[in-house]
Amino acid sequence: MNTLKAEKRDMAIKAKRLRREGYVTGNVFGKEIKGSIPIKIEKSAADRLLKTSGKGSQVMLDIDGESMDVLIKEVDFNPLEGQVDEIDFQALVKGEKVHSVAEVVLINHDKVMNGVLQLLLEEISYRALPGDLVEKVSIDVGNLKVGESIKVGDLDISKNENVDVLTDPEAIVVTVSESHNDIPEEDTEEADSAES
């Protein structure tokens, strides 16, 4: 499990200023925390963490020397700046189920030669105890044929009795549909005249 160092944040200092100084802001909340704990994380540490972990990942958070088992609940990415602005964490309580999401990862998608592979669900929503949290759901799509699909109910996470899947079991996660490569004739004529 990844460990991330953080410091308690002084709320008198604006988040904008902290971001300019190279920090990512965040909050830790949970059943045994009154309100939330505002924190700041060095941007380089946050970037390193997010290379291997994302929303739904379990992390050990070290706040001023105090370790907490947490779940990454939300990651606010600023597309204009091309950086993460804020990360929110949920403190985990032993013996208490927590709501989380597992990222869907497709394996062998390059082996699907006929048809178009479509990922319809990027994450599966579920509840589980801290020890049973699932970060990623890998699906081998190498043998899928046109017209075939995989539903949430077909996945291993749905068969795990320690996990309560909240996403509809009938929801389609991935499907292969027919590819439509017919180019209308007008387009090819225009392309020919443009080249000459």
Protein backbone atom coordinates (compact mmCIF):
# COMPACT_ATOMS: atom_id res chain seq x y z
CA MET A 1 0.00 0.00 0.00
CA ASN A 2 1.29 3.45 -0.93
CA THR A 3 2.11 5.94 1.82
CA LEU A 4 1.49 9.64 1.23
CA LYS A 5 2.87 12.37 3.47
CA ALA A 6 0.62 15.33 4.23
CA GLU A 7 0.47 18.23 6.66
CA LYS A 8 -2.47 19.83 8.42
CA ARG A 9 -3.39 22.97 6.54
CA ASP A 10 -3.72 26.44 8.05
CA MET A 11 -7.11 27.64 6.79
CA ALA A 12 -5.93 31.27 6.98
CA ILE A 13 -3.78 30.58 3.91
CA LYS A 14 -5.85 30.47 0.74
CA ALA A 15 -5.80 27.30 -1.40
CA LYS A 16 -4.77 29.37 -4.44
CA ARG A 17 -1.62 30.55 -2.66
CA LEU A 18 -0.77 27.01 -1.52
CA ARG A 19 -1.12 25.75 -5.10
CA ARG A 20 1.23 28.50 -6.30
CA GLU A 21 3.70 27.35 -3.62
CA GLY A 22 3.63 23.78 -4.98
CA TYR A 23 0.98 22.11 -2.83
CA VAL A 24 -2.20 20.16 -3.55
CA THR A 25 -4.95 20.82 -1.00
CA GLY A 26 -7.33 18.22 0.36
CA ASN A 27 -9.61 17.05 3.14
CA VAL A 28 -9.86 13.90 5.21
CA PHE A 29 -13.30 12.99 6.50
CA GLY A 30 -14.72 9.93 8.20
CA LYS A 31 -17.03 8.53 10.85
CA GLU A 32 -14.57 9.15 13.68
CA ILE A 33 -13.50 12.64 12.51
CA LYS A 34 -15.48 15.72 13.53
CA GLY A 35 -16.10 17.73 10.37
CA SER A 36 -12.96 17.15 8.31
CA ILE A 37 -9.19 17.62 8.51
CA PRO A 38 -7.92 20.14 5.95
CA ILE A 39 -4.51 19.06 4.60
CA LYS A 40 -1.83 20.07 2.12
CA ILE A 41 0.33 17.66 0.13
CA GLU A 42 3.49 18.44 -1.82
CA LYS A 43 2.53 18.47 -5.51
CA SER A 44 5.39 16.10 -6.46
CA ALA A 45 4.21 13.55 -3.85
CA ALA A 46 0.60 13.82 -5.07
CA ASP A 47 1.68 13.37 -8.71
CA ARG A 48 3.75 10.28 -7.80
CA LEU A 49 0.79 8.78 -5.93
CA LEU A 50 -1.65 9.40 -8.79
CA LYS A 51 0.62 7.62 -11.29
CA THR A 52 -0.22 4.32 -9.54
CA SER A 53 -3.39 5.12 -7.56
CA GLY A 54 -6.65 6.81 -8.38
CA LYS A 55 -10.18 7.29 -7.10
CA GLY A 56 -11.07 4.20 -5.06
CA SER A 57 -7.45 3.37 -4.13
CA GLN A 58 -6.50 2.59 -0.54
CA VAL A 59 -3.56 4.64 0.77
CA MET A 60 -1.74 5.10 4.08
CA LEU A 61 -1.85 8.83 4.80
CA ASP A 62 0.80 10.22 7.11
CA ILE A 63 -0.47 13.53 8.54
CA ASP A 64 2.24 15.21 10.63
CA GLY A 65 3.51 11.76 11.72
CA GLU A 66 0.08 10.23 12.41
CA SER A 67 -0.82 7.35 10.06
CA MET A 68 -4.35 6.88 8.75
CA ASP A 69 -5.74 4.17 6.50
CA VAL A 70 -7.72 6.12 3.88
CA LEU A 71 -9.51 5.77 0.57
CA ILE A 72 -9.05 8.28 -2.27
CA LYS A 73 -12.61 9.59 -2.62
CA GLU A 74 -12.27 12.44 -5.11
CA VAL A 75 -9.53 13.89 -7.31
CA ASP A 76 -10.10 17.41 -8.69
CA PHE A 77 -8.05 17.88 -11.84
CA ASN A 78 -7.63 21.36 -13.30
CA PRO A 79 -7.45 20.87 -17.09
CA LEU A 80 -6.40 24.49 -17.73
CA GLU A 81 -3.37 24.21 -15.47
CA GLY A 82 -2.81 20.54 -16.32
CA GLN A 83 -2.53 19.65 -12.64
CA VAL A 84 -4.40 18.23 -9.65
CA ASP A 85 -5.88 20.93 -7.39
CA GLU A 86 -7.42 18.86 -4.61
CA ILE A 87 -7.65 15.28 -3.33
CA ASP A 88 -10.25 14.20 -0.80
CA PHE A 89 -9.82 11.13 1.39
CA GLN A 90 -12.15 9.03 3.52
CA ALA A 91 -10.68 7.60 6.73
CA LEU A 92 -11.43 3.88 6.94
CA VAL A 93 -12.83 2.31 10.09
CA LYS A 94 -12.06 -1.36 10.73
CA GLY A 95 -15.23 -3.43 10.58
CA GLU A 96 -17.22 -0.76 8.75
CA LYS A 97 -18.20 -1.11 5.09
CA VAL A 98 -17.25 1.82 2.91
CA HIS A 99 -18.62 2.94 -0.47
CA SER A 100 -16.01 2.97 -3.22
CA VAL A 101 -15.42 2.46 -6.94
CA ALA A 102 -13.22 0.02 -8.84
CA GLU A 103 -11.69 1.16 -12.13
CA VAL A 104 -12.41 -1.06 -15.15
CA VAL A 105 -9.24 -2.10 -17.02
CA LEU A 106 -9.42 -3.91 -20.36
CA ILE A 107 -6.80 -6.57 -21.16
CA ASN A 108 -5.98 -7.90 -24.67
CA HIS A 109 -8.08 -5.22 -26.39
CA ASP A 110 -5.56 -5.33 -29.28
CA LYS A 111 -6.72 -8.91 -30.04
CA VAL A 112 -10.23 -7.76 -30.99
CA MET A 113 -9.82 -7.71 -34.78
CA ASN A 114 -13.43 -7.60 -35.94
CA GLY A 115 -15.77 -4.93 -34.71
CA VAL A 116 -15.39 -1.93 -32.46
CA LEU A 117 -14.66 -2.44 -28.77
CA GLN A 118 -16.71 -0.04 -26.62
CA LEU A 119 -16.12 0.52 -22.91
CA LEU A 120 -19.48 1.67 -21.53
CA LEU A 121 -18.66 1.65 -17.80
CA GLU A 122 -15.33 3.00 -16.55
CA GLU A 123 -15.94 2.14 -12.90
CA ILE A 124 -18.01 -0.23 -10.76
CA SER A 125 -19.62 1.15 -7.61
CA TYR A 126 -19.62 -1.07 -4.51
CA ARG A 127 -19.47 -1.32 -0.69
CA ALA A 128 -16.95 -3.43 1.23
CA LEU A 129 -14.90 -3.63 4.42
CA PRO A 130 -11.44 -1.97 4.27
CA GLY A 131 -9.74 -5.38 3.88
CA ASP A 132 -11.89 -6.31 0.87
CA LEU A 133 -11.53 -3.13 -1.17
CA VAL A 134 -10.99 -3.64 -4.89
CA GLU A 135 -8.99 -1.01 -6.78
CA LYS A 136 -9.28 -2.34 -10.33
CA VAL A 137 -11.44 -4.82 -12.22
CA SER A 138 -9.46 -6.37 -15.10
CA ILE A 139 -11.49 -7.78 -17.99
CA ASP A 140 -9.89 -9.97 -20.67
CA VAL A 141 -11.68 -8.95 -23.88
CA GLY A 142 -9.36 -10.89 -26.25
CA ASN A 143 -12.01 -13.51 -27.13
CA LEU A 144 -14.99 -11.17 -27.56
CA LYS A 145 -16.74 -11.37 -30.93
CA VAL A 146 -19.05 -8.87 -32.67
CA GLY A 147 -22.38 -8.69 -30.82
CA GLU A 148 -20.96 -10.03 -27.55
CA SER A 149 -20.81 -8.02 -24.35
CA ILE A 150 -19.87 -8.39 -20.69
CA LYS A 151 -22.26 -7.27 -17.95
CA VAL A 152 -21.47 -6.22 -14.38
CA GLY A 153 -23.02 -9.49 -13.14
CA ASP A 154 -20.45 -11.49 -15.19
CA LEU A 155 -17.46 -9.96 -13.36
CA ASP A 156 -15.48 -11.57 -10.52
CA ILE A 157 -16.28 -8.58 -8.26
CA SER A 158 -19.99 -9.52 -8.52
CA LYS A 159 -19.22 -13.10 -7.45
CA ASN A 160 -17.18 -11.94 -4.41
CA GLU A 161 -19.42 -12.44 -1.36
CA ASN A 162 -17.42 -9.86 0.64
CA VAL A 163 -18.33 -7.11 -1.82
CA ASP A 164 -21.79 -5.54 -2.26
CA VAL A 165 -21.88 -4.36 -5.87
CA LEU A 166 -24.10 -1.28 -6.20
CA THR A 167 -23.91 -0.90 -10.00
CA ASP A 168 -26.81 -2.66 -11.79
CA PRO A 169 -25.72 -6.28 -12.53
CA GLU A 170 -27.48 -6.03 -15.92
CA ALA A 171 -25.47 -2.92 -16.92
CA ILE A 172 -23.16 -3.60 -19.87
CA VAL A 173 -19.50 -2.87 -19.11
CA VAL A 174 -17.95 -3.60 -22.49
CA THR A 175 -19.33 -4.63 -25.88
CA VAL A 176 -18.11 -5.29 -29.41
CA SER A 177 -20.24 -3.72 -32.12
CA GLU A 178 -20.00 -3.98 -35.88
CA SER A 179 -17.61 -1.51 -37.48
CA HIS A 180 -19.03 0.71 -40.21
CA ASN A 181 -16.21 1.39 -42.63
CA ASP A 182 -18.34 2.13 -45.69
CA ILE A 183 -17.21 5.48 -47.05
CA PRO A 184 -19.89 7.26 -49.11
CA GLU A 185 -18.81 7.63 -52.75
CA GLU A 186 -19.12 11.44 -52.77
CA ASP A 187 -16.34 11.72 -50.17
CA THR A 188 -13.90 9.71 -52.27
CA GLU A 189 -14.57 11.87 -55.35
CA GLU A 190 -13.94 15.05 -53.36
CA ALA A 191 -10.68 13.58 -52.03
CA ASP A 192 -9.57 12.71 -55.60
CA SER A 193 -10.28 16.19 -56.97
CA ALA A 194 -8.51 17.79 -53.98
CA GLU A 195 -5.36 15.78 -54.70
CA SER A 196 -5.17 16.72 -58.44
